[in-house]
Amino acid sequence: GYVDAEEVGRIAKFIADVDPRIPYSLLAFHPDFLFFDLPRTSRGHALEAVGAAKSAGLEEVRVGNIHILS
């Protein structure tokens, strides 16, 4: 994918430094239109990203579009 768990963690740390209660939604990717060469977001990748965001100190982390995870 374009964003890995390490990058999510860095973004989450920035947000958590402002306020750890700020909600953070990670959106699952589905290849439509011009992005057929990229895979869907896997459940494992999404859970890894959620873990990284929570480890960075955020309290309100969720995955949007969870129904399209592969």
Protein backbone atom coordinates (compact mmCIF):
# COMPACT_ATOMS: atom_id res chain seq x y z
CA GLY A 1 0.00 0.00 0.00
CA TYR A 2 0.92 3.61 -0.11
CA VAL A 3 0.91 4.10 3.67
CA ASP A 4 2.52 1.64 6.07
CA ALA A 5 2.01 1.21 9.82
CA GLU A 6 5.18 3.16 10.61
CA GLU A 7 3.87 6.20 8.75
CA VAL A 8 0.46 5.86 10.42
CA GLY A 9 2.27 5.83 13.76
CA ARG A 10 4.12 9.05 12.95
CA ILE A 11 0.91 10.78 11.87
CA ALA A 12 -0.86 9.51 14.99
CA LYS A 13 1.95 10.75 17.24
CA PHE A 14 1.58 14.23 15.74
CA ILE A 15 -2.17 14.16 16.40
CA ALA A 16 -1.77 12.70 19.91
CA ASP A 17 0.66 15.46 20.83
CA VAL A 18 -2.16 17.94 20.17
CA ASP A 19 -4.85 15.89 21.96
CA PRO A 20 -4.96 12.07 22.30
CA ARG A 21 -8.78 12.17 22.22
CA ILE A 22 -8.92 13.48 18.62
CA PRO A 23 -10.67 10.78 16.55
CA TYR A 24 -8.56 9.20 13.79
CA SER A 25 -10.26 7.24 11.00
CA LEU A 26 -8.22 4.99 8.74
CA LEU A 27 -10.00 4.30 5.47
CA ALA A 28 -9.78 0.94 3.74
CA PHE A 29 -8.72 1.16 0.10
CA HIS A 30 -10.64 -0.46 -2.76
CA PRO A 31 -9.09 -0.39 -6.26
CA ASP A 32 -11.52 1.40 -8.54
CA PHE A 33 -11.17 3.44 -11.71
CA LEU A 34 -7.44 4.14 -12.27
CA PHE A 35 -5.96 2.15 -9.39
CA PHE A 36 -6.48 -1.44 -10.53
CA ASP A 37 -2.78 -2.20 -10.02
CA LEU A 38 -3.06 -1.78 -6.23
CA PRO A 39 -4.52 -4.41 -3.91
CA ARG A 40 -7.38 -3.87 -1.49
CA THR A 41 -6.43 -3.12 2.09
CA SER A 42 -6.05 -6.39 3.97
CA ARG A 43 -7.55 -6.96 7.40
CA GLY A 44 -4.05 -7.59 8.76
CA HIS A 45 -2.68 -4.33 7.35
CA ALA A 46 -5.63 -2.39 8.80
CA LEU A 47 -5.20 -3.95 12.26
CA GLU A 48 -1.47 -3.24 12.15
CA ALA A 49 -2.19 0.42 11.33
CA VAL A 50 -4.75 0.67 14.16
CA GLY A 51 -2.20 -0.81 16.56
CA ALA A 52 0.43 1.71 15.47
CA ALA A 53 -1.98 4.61 15.98
CA LYS A 54 -2.98 3.41 19.43
CA SER A 55 0.66 2.78 20.38
CA ALA A 56 1.38 6.39 19.42
CA GLY A 57 -1.11 7.50 22.06
CA LEU A 58 -4.41 8.01 20.25
CA GLU A 59 -7.50 6.84 22.12
CA GLU A 60 -10.14 7.02 19.37
CA VAL A 61 -8.96 5.02 16.33
CA ARG A 62 -11.26 3.25 13.89
CA VAL A 63 -11.21 1.72 10.42
CA GLY A 64 -13.75 3.14 8.00
CA ASN A 65 -15.06 1.05 5.09
CA ILE A 66 -14.26 -2.05 7.16
CA HIS A 67 -16.69 -4.09 5.05
CA ILE A 68 -14.34 -3.92 2.02
CA LEU A 69 -11.25 -5.33 3.76
CA SER A 70 -9.81 -8.40 2.07
